[in-house]
Amino acid sequence: MNDFQNIMADLKKRQFKPIYFLMGEEVYYIDEITNYIINNVLTEEEKGFNQTIYYGKDVDAATVVMSARRFPMMSKYQVIVVKEAQYLDKIEELQHYAAAPLESTILVLDYKYKTLDKRKKLGTLLKKSNSIFEFKKLYDNQVSAWVTSYLSAEGVSIDIRASALLADSLGTDLSKIVKELDKLKVAIGTGVKQITVEHIEKNIGLSKDYNNFELQKAVIAKDILKANKIIKVFSKNPKDHPIQATISILFNYFSKLMLYYYLADKGKANVAKELGINPYFVQDYALGARNYGARKVVAIISILREYDMKSKGFGNVSANMGDLLKEMMFKIMH
């Protein structure tokens, strides 16, 4: 299990740490842990005297320490939450409390979008007591598996093409993904046990035909007609289909295709393990290897890097994103 799963499992068993320093780019996990503690540790009667929520911009470390050192009233625990702790003034002063925290206080610090320097005294103390947790953004290629896992925990399965479509269209923001998945579950009702691309197209409004997942399939198969149809739609709607997302997905595929060439054992199980992919997608690498030689793959990776820079304004004087996408796809497929 990962840190999030371990923390939530312990919380549900009412096994609490004196301090939870929650930091990093993936705020979904930080919010889930914090909200669970706020809503479940104390009863409604206990919260009045024993639960305090601060905001980093409005409080300093000395005040947090003073509050954390109080003993609870008519309760086993008190809960102190510091939201937006990344703005907390003189945060290193928390070391004086972290060195000897009270077992009766549950102190939660939400340090979003940043990381604390673990080499300094506070970070060292929190690390020693296993009280500091970093939650990193998922990589693009991890989202599909995360969607499948999340829905499985909710008692719903999802077709692999459907999870790939969601991953392609929703990005890596887990809060946004969960919001869309929860809406989708309500829309399809309790009778549906497997989500398909048709459910997604009907209820979320994502096209099952015009997305990066389908574009990648067209590129792999060297289906120039299908690829051109998709990039024509993309070019007309660059905000909905940013070129950077397309580049990222294709770069990930061709980078792994290059690794595929050097695998001695190209059996499905070994390829899936070495490339870190679902066995279902191994066939895409076998087909890609037949359609693109190693030299061409190296050239494509170079093209993707070039257009990634151009999309960010380097070496691109006037071409819009739609034109850049068309140029890039032409060079890749010819």
C-alpha atoms as a PDB file:
ATOM      1  CA  MET A   1       0.000   0.000   0.000  1.00  0.00           C
ATOM      2  CA  ASN A   2       1.117   3.605  -0.558  1.00  0.00           C
ATOM      3  CA  ASP A   3       1.298   6.338   2.094  1.00  0.00           C
ATOM      4  CA  PHE A   4      -2.253   7.535   1.433  1.00  0.00           C
ATOM      5  CA  GLN A   5      -3.739   4.053   1.780  1.00  0.00           C
ATOM      6  CA  ASN A   6      -1.706   3.360   4.923  1.00  0.00           C
ATOM      7  CA  ILE A   7      -2.745   6.629   6.557  1.00  0.00           C
ATOM      8  CA  MET A   8      -6.432   6.143   5.719  1.00  0.00           C
ATOM      9  CA  ALA A   9      -6.366   2.532   6.957  1.00  0.00           C
ATOM     10  CA  ASP A  10      -4.867   3.648  10.294  1.00  0.00           C
ATOM     11  CA  LEU A  11      -7.316   6.556  10.639  1.00  0.00           C
ATOM     12  CA  LYS A  12     -10.277   4.231  10.125  1.00  0.00           C
ATOM     13  CA  LYS A  13      -8.880   1.999  12.884  1.00  0.00           C
ATOM     14  CA  ARG A  14      -8.495   5.154  15.049  1.00  0.00           C
ATOM     15  CA  GLN A  15      -4.754   4.751  15.171  1.00  0.00           C
ATOM     16  CA  PHE A  16      -3.612   8.376  15.134  1.00  0.00           C
ATOM     17  CA  LYS A  17      -0.228  10.057  14.809  1.00  0.00           C
ATOM     18  CA  PRO A  18       0.500  13.200  16.851  1.00  0.00           C
ATOM     19  CA  ILE A  19       1.554  15.044  13.663  1.00  0.00           C
ATOM     20  CA  TYR A  20       0.610  14.726  10.001  1.00  0.00           C
ATOM     21  CA  PHE A  21       2.783  16.963   7.808  1.00  0.00           C
ATOM     22  CA  LEU A  22       1.171  16.541   4.382  1.00  0.00           C
ATOM     23  CA  MET A  23       3.031  18.122   1.473  1.00  0.00           C
ATOM     24  CA  GLY A  24       3.440  18.032  -2.293  1.00  0.00           C
ATOM     25  CA  GLU A  25       1.840  18.714  -5.638  1.00  0.00           C
ATOM     26  CA  GLU A  26      -1.020  16.202  -5.464  1.00  0.00           C
ATOM     27  CA  VAL A  27      -3.444  18.012  -3.176  1.00  0.00           C
ATOM     28  CA  TYR A  28      -6.233  15.435  -3.604  1.00  0.00           C
ATOM     29  CA  TYR A  29      -4.572  13.139  -1.067  1.00  0.00           C
ATOM     30  CA  ILE A  30      -3.860  16.032   1.309  1.00  0.00           C
ATOM     31  CA  ASP A  31      -7.499  17.139   1.218  1.00  0.00           C
ATOM     32  CA  GLU A  32      -8.863  13.605   1.643  1.00  0.00           C
ATOM     33  CA  ILE A  33      -6.753  12.926   4.744  1.00  0.00           C
ATOM     34  CA  THR A  34      -7.418  16.339   6.274  1.00  0.00           C
ATOM     35  CA  ASN A  35     -11.180  16.181   5.689  1.00  0.00           C
ATOM     36  CA  TYR A  36     -11.373  12.686   7.157  1.00  0.00           C
ATOM     37  CA  ILE A  37      -9.630  13.829  10.338  1.00  0.00           C
ATOM     38  CA  ILE A  38     -11.829  16.935  10.627  1.00  0.00           C
ATOM     39  CA  ASN A  39     -15.027  14.953  10.114  1.00  0.00           C
ATOM     40  CA  ASN A  40     -14.311  11.729  11.995  1.00  0.00           C
ATOM     41  CA  VAL A  41     -11.858  12.007  14.891  1.00  0.00           C
ATOM     42  CA  LEU A  42     -14.097  14.003  17.244  1.00  0.00           C
ATOM     43  CA  THR A  43     -17.817  13.881  17.899  1.00  0.00           C
ATOM     44  CA  GLU A  44     -19.865  17.015  17.175  1.00  0.00           C
ATOM     45  CA  GLU A  45     -20.011  17.719  20.915  1.00  0.00           C
ATOM     46  CA  GLU A  46     -16.228  17.406  21.270  1.00  0.00           C
ATOM     47  CA  LYS A  47     -15.425  19.658  18.298  1.00  0.00           C
ATOM     48  CA  GLY A  48     -16.595  22.849  19.998  1.00  0.00           C
ATOM     49  CA  PHE A  49     -13.765  22.853  22.532  1.00  0.00           C
ATOM     50  CA  ASN A  50     -11.230  20.578  20.865  1.00  0.00           C
ATOM     51  CA  GLN A  51     -11.032  21.324  17.134  1.00  0.00           C
ATOM     52  CA  THR A  52      -9.239  24.364  15.738  1.00  0.00           C
ATOM     53  CA  ILE A  53      -8.690  25.186  12.072  1.00  0.00           C
ATOM     54  CA  TYR A  54      -6.075  27.791  11.174  1.00  0.00           C
ATOM     55  CA  TYR A  55      -4.924  29.203   7.824  1.00  0.00           C
ATOM     56  CA  GLY A  56      -1.216  29.695   7.249  1.00  0.00           C
ATOM     57  CA  LYS A  57      -1.567  33.338   6.189  1.00  0.00           C
ATOM     58  CA  ASP A  58      -3.441  34.241   9.367  1.00  0.00           C
ATOM     59  CA  VAL A  59      -1.345  32.561  12.047  1.00  0.00           C
ATOM     60  CA  ASP A  60       2.288  32.089  13.045  1.00  0.00           C
ATOM     61  CA  ALA A  61       4.172  29.013  14.206  1.00  0.00           C
ATOM     62  CA  ALA A  62       4.284  30.159  17.843  1.00  0.00           C
ATOM     63  CA  THR A  63       0.473  30.275  18.014  1.00  0.00           C
ATOM     64  CA  VAL A  64       0.210  26.799  16.476  1.00  0.00           C
ATOM     65  CA  VAL A  65       2.696  25.416  19.024  1.00  0.00           C
ATOM     66  CA  MET A  66       0.829  27.036  21.915  1.00  0.00           C
ATOM     67  CA  SER A  67      -2.481  25.546  20.718  1.00  0.00           C
ATOM     68  CA  ALA A  68      -0.961  22.109  20.145  1.00  0.00           C
ATOM     69  CA  ARG A  69       0.398  22.040  23.710  1.00  0.00           C
ATOM     70  CA  ARG A  70      -3.040  22.474  25.248  1.00  0.00           C
ATOM     71  CA  PHE A  71      -4.784  19.439  26.655  1.00  0.00           C
ATOM     72  CA  PRO A  72      -8.229  18.439  25.367  1.00  0.00           C
ATOM     73  CA  MET A  73     -11.393  19.214  27.349  1.00  0.00           C
ATOM     74  CA  MET A  74     -13.724  16.270  28.045  1.00  0.00           C
ATOM     75  CA  SER A  75     -12.206  14.392  25.107  1.00  0.00           C
ATOM     76  CA  LYS A  76      -9.329  12.007  24.503  1.00  0.00           C
ATOM     77  CA  TYR A  77      -8.000  14.142  21.636  1.00  0.00           C
ATOM     78  CA  GLN A  78      -7.880  17.648  20.310  1.00  0.00           C
ATOM     79  CA  VAL A  79      -7.445  18.323  16.566  1.00  0.00           C
ATOM     80  CA  ILE A  80      -5.417  21.269  15.249  1.00  0.00           C
ATOM     81  CA  VAL A  81      -5.441  21.787  11.468  1.00  0.00           C
ATOM     82  CA  VAL A  82      -3.293  24.322   9.636  1.00  0.00           C
ATOM     83  CA  LYS A  83      -4.534  24.721   6.075  1.00  0.00           C
ATOM     84  CA  GLU A  84      -2.227  26.386   3.527  1.00  0.00           C
ATOM     85  CA  ALA A  85       0.678  25.758   5.909  1.00  0.00           C
ATOM     86  CA  GLN A  86       3.089  26.694   3.125  1.00  0.00           C
ATOM     87  CA  TYR A  87       2.336  30.309   4.095  1.00  0.00           C
ATOM     88  CA  LEU A  88       2.970  29.776   7.824  1.00  0.00           C
ATOM     89  CA  ASP A  89       5.387  32.389   9.169  1.00  0.00           C
ATOM     90  CA  LYS A  90       8.561  31.017  10.821  1.00  0.00           C
ATOM     91  CA  ILE A  91       7.504  27.436  10.199  1.00  0.00           C
ATOM     92  CA  GLU A  92      10.853  26.094  11.443  1.00  0.00           C
ATOM     93  CA  GLU A  93       9.793  27.100  14.971  1.00  0.00           C
ATOM     94  CA  LEU A  94       7.490  24.083  14.912  1.00  0.00           C
ATOM     95  CA  GLN A  95      10.610  22.040  15.653  1.00  0.00           C
ATOM     96  CA  HIS A  96      10.164  22.883  19.330  1.00  0.00           C
ATOM     97  CA  TYR A  97       6.856  21.051  19.338  1.00  0.00           C
ATOM     98  CA  ALA A  98       7.852  18.310  16.889  1.00  0.00           C
ATOM     99  CA  ALA A  99      10.647  17.273  19.258  1.00  0.00           C
ATOM    100  CA  ALA A 100       8.077  16.291  21.920  1.00  0.00           C
ATOM    101  CA  PRO A 101       4.483  16.305  20.622  1.00  0.00           C
ATOM    102  CA  LEU A 102       1.509  15.469  22.851  1.00  0.00           C
ATOM    103  CA  GLU A 103      -0.203  12.141  22.249  1.00  0.00           C
ATOM    104  CA  SER A 104      -3.540  13.853  22.927  1.00  0.00           C
ATOM    105  CA  THR A 105      -3.077  16.364  20.084  1.00  0.00           C
ATOM    106  CA  ILE A 106      -3.511  15.525  16.416  1.00  0.00           C
ATOM    107  CA  LEU A 107      -1.746  18.286  14.486  1.00  0.00           C
ATOM    108  CA  VAL A 108      -2.350  18.371  10.732  1.00  0.00           C
ATOM    109  CA  LEU A 109      -0.342  20.671   8.468  1.00  0.00           C
ATOM    110  CA  ASP A 110      -1.376  21.029   4.813  1.00  0.00           C
ATOM    111  CA  TYR A 111       1.757  22.161   2.971  1.00  0.00           C
ATOM    112  CA  LYS A 112       0.447  22.277  -0.577  1.00  0.00           C
ATOM    113  CA  TYR A 113       2.364  22.532  -3.877  1.00  0.00           C
ATOM    114  CA  LYS A 114       5.704  22.679  -2.057  1.00  0.00           C
ATOM    115  CA  THR A 115       8.025  20.410  -0.087  1.00  0.00           C
ATOM    116  CA  LEU A 116       9.705  21.024   3.241  1.00  0.00           C
ATOM    117  CA  ASP A 117      13.500  20.809   3.350  1.00  0.00           C
ATOM    118  CA  LYS A 118      14.099  17.552   5.224  1.00  0.00           C
ATOM    119  CA  ARG A 119      17.725  18.520   5.854  1.00  0.00           C
ATOM    120  CA  LYS A 120      16.693  21.238   8.301  1.00  0.00           C
ATOM    121  CA  LYS A 121      15.809  20.531  11.931  1.00  0.00           C
ATOM    122  CA  LEU A 122      12.013  20.429  11.524  1.00  0.00           C
ATOM    123  CA  GLY A 123      12.187  18.134   8.506  1.00  0.00           C
ATOM    124  CA  THR A 124      14.672  15.855  10.270  1.00  0.00           C
ATOM    125  CA  LEU A 125      12.438  15.515  13.334  1.00  0.00           C
ATOM    126  CA  LEU A 126       9.311  14.833  11.255  1.00  0.00           C
ATOM    127  CA  LYS A 127      11.138  12.278   9.165  1.00  0.00           C
ATOM    128  CA  LYS A 128      12.492  10.521  12.261  1.00  0.00           C
ATOM    129  CA  SER A 129       8.969  10.189  13.702  1.00  0.00           C
ATOM    130  CA  ASN A 130       7.520   9.133  10.322  1.00  0.00           C
ATOM    131  CA  SER A 131       5.191  12.145  10.376  1.00  0.00           C
ATOM    132  CA  ILE A 132       5.998  13.765   7.021  1.00  0.00           C
ATOM    133  CA  PHE A 133       4.401  12.594   3.786  1.00  0.00           C
ATOM    134  CA  GLU A 134       4.980  13.796   0.236  1.00  0.00           C
ATOM    135  CA  PHE A 135       2.295  13.293  -2.407  1.00  0.00           C
ATOM    136  CA  LYS A 136       3.555  13.677  -5.961  1.00  0.00           C
ATOM    137  CA  LYS A 137       1.552  14.215  -9.135  1.00  0.00           C
ATOM    138  CA  LEU A 138       0.920  11.080 -11.140  1.00  0.00           C
ATOM    139  CA  TYR A 139       2.660  10.744 -14.478  1.00  0.00           C
ATOM    140  CA  ASP A 140       0.376  10.699 -17.515  1.00  0.00           C
ATOM    141  CA  ASN A 141       0.929   6.976 -18.000  1.00  0.00           C
ATOM    142  CA  GLN A 142      -0.148   6.214 -14.408  1.00  0.00           C
ATOM    143  CA  VAL A 143      -3.594   7.825 -14.564  1.00  0.00           C
ATOM    144  CA  SER A 144      -5.409   5.037 -16.388  1.00  0.00           C
ATOM    145  CA  ALA A 145      -4.388   2.464 -13.762  1.00  0.00           C
ATOM    146  CA  TRP A 146      -5.336   4.902 -10.983  1.00  0.00           C
ATOM    147  CA  VAL A 147      -8.823   5.369 -12.485  1.00  0.00           C
ATOM    148  CA  THR A 148      -9.271   1.584 -12.658  1.00  0.00           C
ATOM    149  CA  SER A 149      -8.124   1.168  -9.044  1.00  0.00           C
ATOM    150  CA  TYR A 150     -10.347   3.991  -7.747  1.00  0.00           C
ATOM    151  CA  LEU A 151     -13.454   2.611  -9.433  1.00  0.00           C
ATOM    152  CA  SER A 152     -12.642  -0.936  -8.321  1.00  0.00           C
ATOM    153  CA  ALA A 153     -12.664   0.251  -4.704  1.00  0.00           C
ATOM    154  CA  GLU A 154     -16.120   1.685  -5.422  1.00  0.00           C
ATOM    155  CA  GLY A 155     -17.341  -1.656  -6.766  1.00  0.00           C
ATOM    156  CA  VAL A 156     -17.286  -0.646 -10.445  1.00  0.00           C
ATOM    157  CA  SER A 157     -15.031  -1.917 -13.246  1.00  0.00           C
ATOM    158  CA  ILE A 158     -14.050   0.031 -16.346  1.00  0.00           C
ATOM    159  CA  ASP A 159     -13.164  -1.038 -19.860  1.00  0.00           C
ATOM    160  CA  ILE A 160      -9.469  -0.444 -20.528  1.00  0.00           C
ATOM    161  CA  ARG A 161     -10.239   1.776 -23.541  1.00  0.00           C
ATOM    162  CA  ALA A 162     -12.576   3.828 -21.364  1.00  0.00           C
ATOM    163  CA  SER A 163      -9.949   4.341 -18.650  1.00  0.00           C
ATOM    164  CA  ALA A 164      -7.412   5.357 -21.311  1.00  0.00           C
ATOM    165  CA  LEU A 165      -9.915   7.861 -22.750  1.00  0.00           C
ATOM    166  CA  LEU A 166     -10.518   9.395 -19.332  1.00  0.00           C
ATOM    167  CA  ALA A 167      -6.797   9.565 -18.602  1.00  0.00           C
ATOM    168  CA  ASP A 168      -6.149  11.262 -21.935  1.00  0.00           C
ATOM    169  CA  SER A 169      -8.953  13.780 -21.571  1.00  0.00           C
ATOM    170  CA  LEU A 170      -8.836  14.710 -17.890  1.00  0.00           C
ATOM    171  CA  GLY A 171      -5.095  15.002 -17.300  1.00  0.00           C
ATOM    172  CA  THR A 172      -3.429  14.235 -13.961  1.00  0.00           C
ATOM    173  CA  ASP A 173      -5.511  16.381 -11.587  1.00  0.00           C
ATOM    174  CA  LEU A 174      -6.965  13.707  -9.296  1.00  0.00           C
ATOM    175  CA  SER A 175      -9.515  16.055  -7.723  1.00  0.00           C
ATOM    176  CA  LYS A 176     -10.908  16.805 -11.181  1.00  0.00           C
ATOM    177  CA  ILE A 177     -10.835  13.126 -12.167  1.00  0.00           C
ATOM    178  CA  VAL A 178     -12.671  12.011  -9.009  1.00  0.00           C
ATOM    179  CA  LYS A 179     -15.303  14.707  -9.510  1.00  0.00           C
ATOM    180  CA  GLU A 180     -15.976  13.465 -13.057  1.00  0.00           C
ATOM    181  CA  LEU A 181     -15.968   9.802 -11.982  1.00  0.00           C
ATOM    182  CA  ASP A 182     -18.448  10.490  -9.183  1.00  0.00           C
ATOM    183  CA  LYS A 183     -20.733  12.352 -11.596  1.00  0.00           C
ATOM    184  CA  LEU A 184     -20.418   9.462 -14.043  1.00  0.00           C
ATOM    185  CA  LYS A 185     -21.374   6.879 -11.404  1.00  0.00           C
ATOM    186  CA  VAL A 186     -24.497   8.860 -10.555  1.00  0.00           C
ATOM    187  CA  ALA A 187     -25.404   9.260 -14.233  1.00  0.00           C
ATOM    188  CA  ILE A 188     -25.109   5.581 -15.146  1.00  0.00           C
ATOM    189  CA  GLY A 189     -26.879   4.360 -12.003  1.00  0.00           C
ATOM    190  CA  THR A 190     -26.199   1.455  -9.681  1.00  0.00           C
ATOM    191  CA  GLY A 191     -27.213  -1.206 -12.215  1.00  0.00           C
ATOM    192  CA  VAL A 192     -24.140  -0.701 -14.413  1.00  0.00           C
ATOM    193  CA  LYS A 193     -21.091  -2.621 -13.199  1.00  0.00           C
ATOM    194  CA  GLN A 194     -18.683  -1.838 -16.065  1.00  0.00           C
ATOM    195  CA  ILE A 195     -18.080   1.588 -17.555  1.00  0.00           C
ATOM    196  CA  THR A 196     -17.514   1.724 -21.318  1.00  0.00           C
ATOM    197  CA  VAL A 197     -16.415   4.430 -23.766  1.00  0.00           C
ATOM    198  CA  GLU A 198     -20.081   4.854 -24.712  1.00  0.00           C
ATOM    199  CA  HIS A 199     -20.947   5.740 -21.105  1.00  0.00           C
ATOM    200  CA  ILE A 200     -18.165   8.323 -21.070  1.00  0.00           C
ATOM    201  CA  GLU A 201     -19.123   9.859 -24.406  1.00  0.00           C
ATOM    202  CA  LYS A 202     -22.792  10.097 -23.410  1.00  0.00           C
ATOM    203  CA  ASN A 203     -22.384  11.360 -19.840  1.00  0.00           C
ATOM    204  CA  ILE A 204     -19.108  13.304 -19.742  1.00  0.00           C
ATOM    205  CA  GLY A 205     -19.072  14.604 -23.301  1.00  0.00           C
ATOM    206  CA  LEU A 206     -15.693  13.207 -24.297  1.00  0.00           C
ATOM    207  CA  SER A 207     -15.458  11.926 -27.852  1.00  0.00           C
ATOM    208  CA  LYS A 208     -14.566   8.248 -28.164  1.00  0.00           C
ATOM    209  CA  ASP A 209     -13.292   8.900 -31.711  1.00  0.00           C
ATOM    210  CA  TYR A 210     -11.383  12.183 -31.409  1.00  0.00           C
ATOM    211  CA  ASN A 211      -8.889  11.960 -28.566  1.00  0.00           C
ATOM    212  CA  ASN A 212      -5.176  11.353 -28.048  1.00  0.00           C
ATOM    213  CA  PHE A 213      -5.739   7.664 -27.345  1.00  0.00           C
ATOM    214  CA  GLU A 214      -7.283   7.205 -30.801  1.00  0.00           C
ATOM    215  CA  LEU A 215      -4.647   9.460 -32.406  1.00  0.00           C
ATOM    216  CA  GLN A 216      -1.874   7.331 -30.913  1.00  0.00           C
ATOM    217  CA  LYS A 217      -3.549   4.186 -32.265  1.00  0.00           C
ATOM    218  CA  ALA A 218      -3.711   5.778 -35.729  1.00  0.00           C
ATOM    219  CA  VAL A 219      -0.022   6.736 -35.564  1.00  0.00           C
ATOM    220  CA  ILE A 220       0.985   3.249 -34.439  1.00  0.00           C
ATOM    221  CA  ALA A 221      -0.982   1.674 -37.293  1.00  0.00           C
ATOM    222  CA  LYS A 222       0.282   4.315 -39.766  1.00  0.00           C
ATOM    223  CA  ASP A 223      -3.352   5.106 -40.568  1.00  0.00           C
ATOM    224  CA  ILE A 224      -2.702   8.521 -42.093  1.00  0.00           C
ATOM    225  CA  LEU A 225      -6.351   9.146 -43.029  1.00  0.00           C
ATOM    226  CA  LYS A 226      -7.617   8.548 -39.489  1.00  0.00           C
ATOM    227  CA  ALA A 227      -4.767  10.573 -37.963  1.00  0.00           C
ATOM    228  CA  ASN A 228      -5.522  13.507 -40.266  1.00  0.00           C
ATOM    229  CA  LYS A 229      -9.212  13.449 -39.314  1.00  0.00           C
ATOM    230  CA  ILE A 230      -8.320  13.596 -35.637  1.00  0.00           C
ATOM    231  CA  ILE A 231      -5.732  16.364 -35.908  1.00  0.00           C
ATOM    232  CA  LYS A 232      -8.167  18.394 -38.003  1.00  0.00           C
ATOM    233  CA  VAL A 233     -10.592  18.318 -35.062  1.00  0.00           C
ATOM    234  CA  PHE A 234      -7.755  19.056 -32.635  1.00  0.00           C
ATOM    235  CA  SER A 235      -6.596  22.019 -34.724  1.00  0.00           C
ATOM    236  CA  LYS A 236     -10.042  23.589 -34.579  1.00  0.00           C
ATOM    237  CA  ASN A 237     -10.208  23.216 -30.791  1.00  0.00           C
ATOM    238  CA  PRO A 238      -6.658  23.781 -29.463  1.00  0.00           C
ATOM    239  CA  LYS A 239      -7.900  24.668 -25.947  1.00  0.00           C
ATOM    240  CA  ASP A 240      -9.677  21.325 -25.622  1.00  0.00           C
ATOM    241  CA  HIS A 241      -6.826  19.452 -27.300  1.00  0.00           C
ATOM    242  CA  PRO A 242      -3.548  21.175 -26.340  1.00  0.00           C
ATOM    243  CA  ILE A 243      -0.576  20.132 -28.433  1.00  0.00           C
ATOM    244  CA  GLN A 244       1.510  19.672 -25.273  1.00  0.00           C
ATOM    245  CA  ALA A 245      -0.786  16.835 -24.138  1.00  0.00           C
ATOM    246  CA  THR A 246      -0.483  15.144 -27.536  1.00  0.00           C
ATOM    247  CA  ILE A 247       3.306  15.493 -27.480  1.00  0.00           C
ATOM    248  CA  SER A 248       3.509  14.062 -23.958  1.00  0.00           C
ATOM    249  CA  ILE A 249       1.471  10.966 -24.847  1.00  0.00           C
ATOM    250  CA  LEU A 250       3.356  10.283 -28.084  1.00  0.00           C
ATOM    251  CA  PHE A 251       6.728  10.902 -26.426  1.00  0.00           C
ATOM    252  CA  ASN A 252       5.875   8.391 -23.721  1.00  0.00           C
ATOM    253  CA  TYR A 253       4.877   5.803 -26.332  1.00  0.00           C
ATOM    254  CA  PHE A 254       7.896   6.192 -28.616  1.00  0.00           C
ATOM    255  CA  SER A 255      10.327   6.304 -25.685  1.00  0.00           C
ATOM    256  CA  LYS A 256       8.977   2.950 -24.553  1.00  0.00           C
ATOM    257  CA  LEU A 257       8.988   1.651 -28.124  1.00  0.00           C
ATOM    258  CA  MET A 258      12.724   2.336 -28.213  1.00  0.00           C
ATOM    259  CA  LEU A 259      13.129   0.247 -25.045  1.00  0.00           C
ATOM    260  CA  TYR A 260      10.992  -2.480 -26.633  1.00  0.00           C
ATOM    261  CA  TYR A 261      13.547  -2.918 -29.430  1.00  0.00           C
ATOM    262  CA  TYR A 262      16.235  -3.908 -26.940  1.00  0.00           C
ATOM    263  CA  LEU A 263      14.208  -6.450 -24.960  1.00  0.00           C
ATOM    264  CA  ALA A 264      15.561  -9.953 -25.478  1.00  0.00           C
ATOM    265  CA  ASP A 265      12.308 -11.466 -24.238  1.00  0.00           C
ATOM    266  CA  LYS A 266       9.367  -9.979 -26.122  1.00  0.00           C
ATOM    267  CA  GLY A 267       6.771 -12.187 -24.483  1.00  0.00           C
ATOM    268  CA  LYS A 268       3.661 -10.344 -23.342  1.00  0.00           C
ATOM    269  CA  ALA A 269       4.322 -10.744 -19.617  1.00  0.00           C
ATOM    270  CA  ASN A 270       7.940  -9.582 -19.820  1.00  0.00           C
ATOM    271  CA  VAL A 271       7.164  -6.598 -22.080  1.00  0.00           C
ATOM    272  CA  ALA A 272       4.365  -5.484 -19.747  1.00  0.00           C
ATOM    273  CA  LYS A 273       6.698  -5.758 -16.753  1.00  0.00           C
ATOM    274  CA  GLU A 274       9.715  -4.033 -18.341  1.00  0.00           C
ATOM    275  CA  LEU A 275       7.722  -1.187 -19.921  1.00  0.00           C
ATOM    276  CA  GLY A 276       5.358  -0.751 -16.978  1.00  0.00           C
ATOM    277  CA  ILE A 277       2.212  -1.135 -19.097  1.00  0.00           C
ATOM    278  CA  ASN A 278      -0.983  -3.151 -19.026  1.00  0.00           C
ATOM    279  CA  PRO A 279      -0.536  -6.441 -20.948  1.00  0.00           C
ATOM    280  CA  TYR A 280      -3.455  -5.372 -23.150  1.00  0.00           C
ATOM    281  CA  PHE A 281      -1.253  -2.687 -24.733  1.00  0.00           C
ATOM    282  CA  VAL A 282       1.727  -4.934 -25.562  1.00  0.00           C
ATOM    283  CA  GLN A 283       0.234  -5.464 -29.005  1.00  0.00           C
ATOM    284  CA  ASP A 284       0.639  -1.725 -29.687  1.00  0.00           C
ATOM    285  CA  TYR A 285       4.397  -2.030 -29.247  1.00  0.00           C
ATOM    286  CA  ALA A 286       4.666  -5.106 -31.451  1.00  0.00           C
ATOM    287  CA  LEU A 287       2.749  -3.249 -34.182  1.00  0.00           C
ATOM    288  CA  GLY A 288       4.783  -0.064 -33.700  1.00  0.00           C
ATOM    289  CA  ALA A 289       8.024  -2.003 -34.040  1.00  0.00           C
ATOM    290  CA  ARG A 290       6.815  -3.428 -37.365  1.00  0.00           C
ATOM    291  CA  ASN A 291       5.787  -0.030 -38.727  1.00  0.00           C
ATOM    292  CA  TYR A 292       8.664   2.107 -37.426  1.00  0.00           C
ATOM    293  CA  GLY A 293      12.343   1.181 -37.571  1.00  0.00           C
ATOM    294  CA  ALA A 294      14.662   2.106 -34.727  1.00  0.00           C
ATOM    295  CA  ARG A 295      16.176   5.016 -36.683  1.00  0.00           C
ATOM    296  CA  LYS A 296      12.738   6.425 -37.396  1.00  0.00           C
ATOM    297  CA  VAL A 297      11.806   6.167 -33.716  1.00  0.00           C
ATOM    298  CA  VAL A 298      14.925   8.138 -32.759  1.00  0.00           C
ATOM    299  CA  ALA A 299      13.954  10.749 -35.358  1.00  0.00           C
ATOM    300  CA  ILE A 300      10.370  10.896 -34.028  1.00  0.00           C
ATOM    301  CA  ILE A 301      11.575  11.446 -30.465  1.00  0.00           C
ATOM    302  CA  SER A 302      13.708  14.312 -31.774  1.00  0.00           C
ATOM    303  CA  ILE A 303      10.694  15.745 -33.656  1.00  0.00           C
ATOM    304  CA  LEU A 304       8.549  15.606 -30.522  1.00  0.00           C
ATOM    305  CA  ARG A 305      11.225  17.435 -28.527  1.00  0.00           C
ATOM    306  CA  GLU A 306      11.524  20.065 -31.261  1.00  0.00           C
ATOM    307  CA  TYR A 307       7.778  20.747 -31.336  1.00  0.00           C
ATOM    308  CA  ASP A 308       7.515  20.742 -27.578  1.00  0.00           C
ATOM    309  CA  MET A 309       9.967  23.662 -27.588  1.00  0.00           C
ATOM    310  CA  LYS A 310       8.137  25.372 -30.440  1.00  0.00           C
ATOM    311  CA  SER A 311       4.813  25.028 -28.608  1.00  0.00           C
ATOM    312  CA  LYS A 312       6.407  26.957 -25.736  1.00  0.00           C
ATOM    313  CA  GLY A 313       7.549  29.772 -28.039  1.00  0.00           C
ATOM    314  CA  PHE A 314      11.142  28.723 -28.744  1.00  0.00           C
ATOM    315  CA  GLY A 315      12.013  28.955 -32.427  1.00  0.00           C
ATOM    316  CA  ASN A 316       8.400  29.576 -33.396  1.00  0.00           C
ATOM    317  CA  VAL A 317       7.742  33.024 -34.799  1.00  0.00           C
ATOM    318  CA  SER A 318       4.180  32.911 -36.066  1.00  0.00           C
ATOM    319  CA  ALA A 319       2.695  29.407 -36.414  1.00  0.00           C
ATOM    320  CA  ASN A 320      -0.378  28.735 -34.293  1.00  0.00           C
ATOM    321  CA  MET A 321      -0.841  25.539 -32.303  1.00  0.00           C
ATOM    322  CA  GLY A 322      -3.024  23.951 -34.979  1.00  0.00           C
ATOM    323  CA  ASP A 323      -0.401  24.498 -37.669  1.00  0.00           C
ATOM    324  CA  LEU A 324       2.342  23.192 -35.394  1.00  0.00           C
ATOM    325  CA  LEU A 325       0.345  20.036 -34.753  1.00  0.00           C
ATOM    326  CA  LYS A 326      -0.187  19.426 -38.481  1.00  0.00           C
ATOM    327  CA  GLU A 327       3.512  19.992 -39.238  1.00  0.00           C
ATOM    328  CA  MET A 328       4.576  17.686 -36.444  1.00  0.00           C
ATOM    329  CA  MET A 329       2.221  14.870 -37.421  1.00  0.00           C
ATOM    330  CA  PHE A 330       3.290  15.095 -41.075  1.00  0.00           C
ATOM    331  CA  LYS A 331       6.957  14.693 -40.089  1.00  0.00           C
ATOM    332  CA  ILE A 332       6.161  11.774 -37.776  1.00  0.00           C
ATOM    333  CA  MET A 333       4.110   9.800 -40.271  1.00  0.00           C
ATOM    334  CA  HIS A 334       6.111  10.432 -43.462  1.00  0.00           C
END
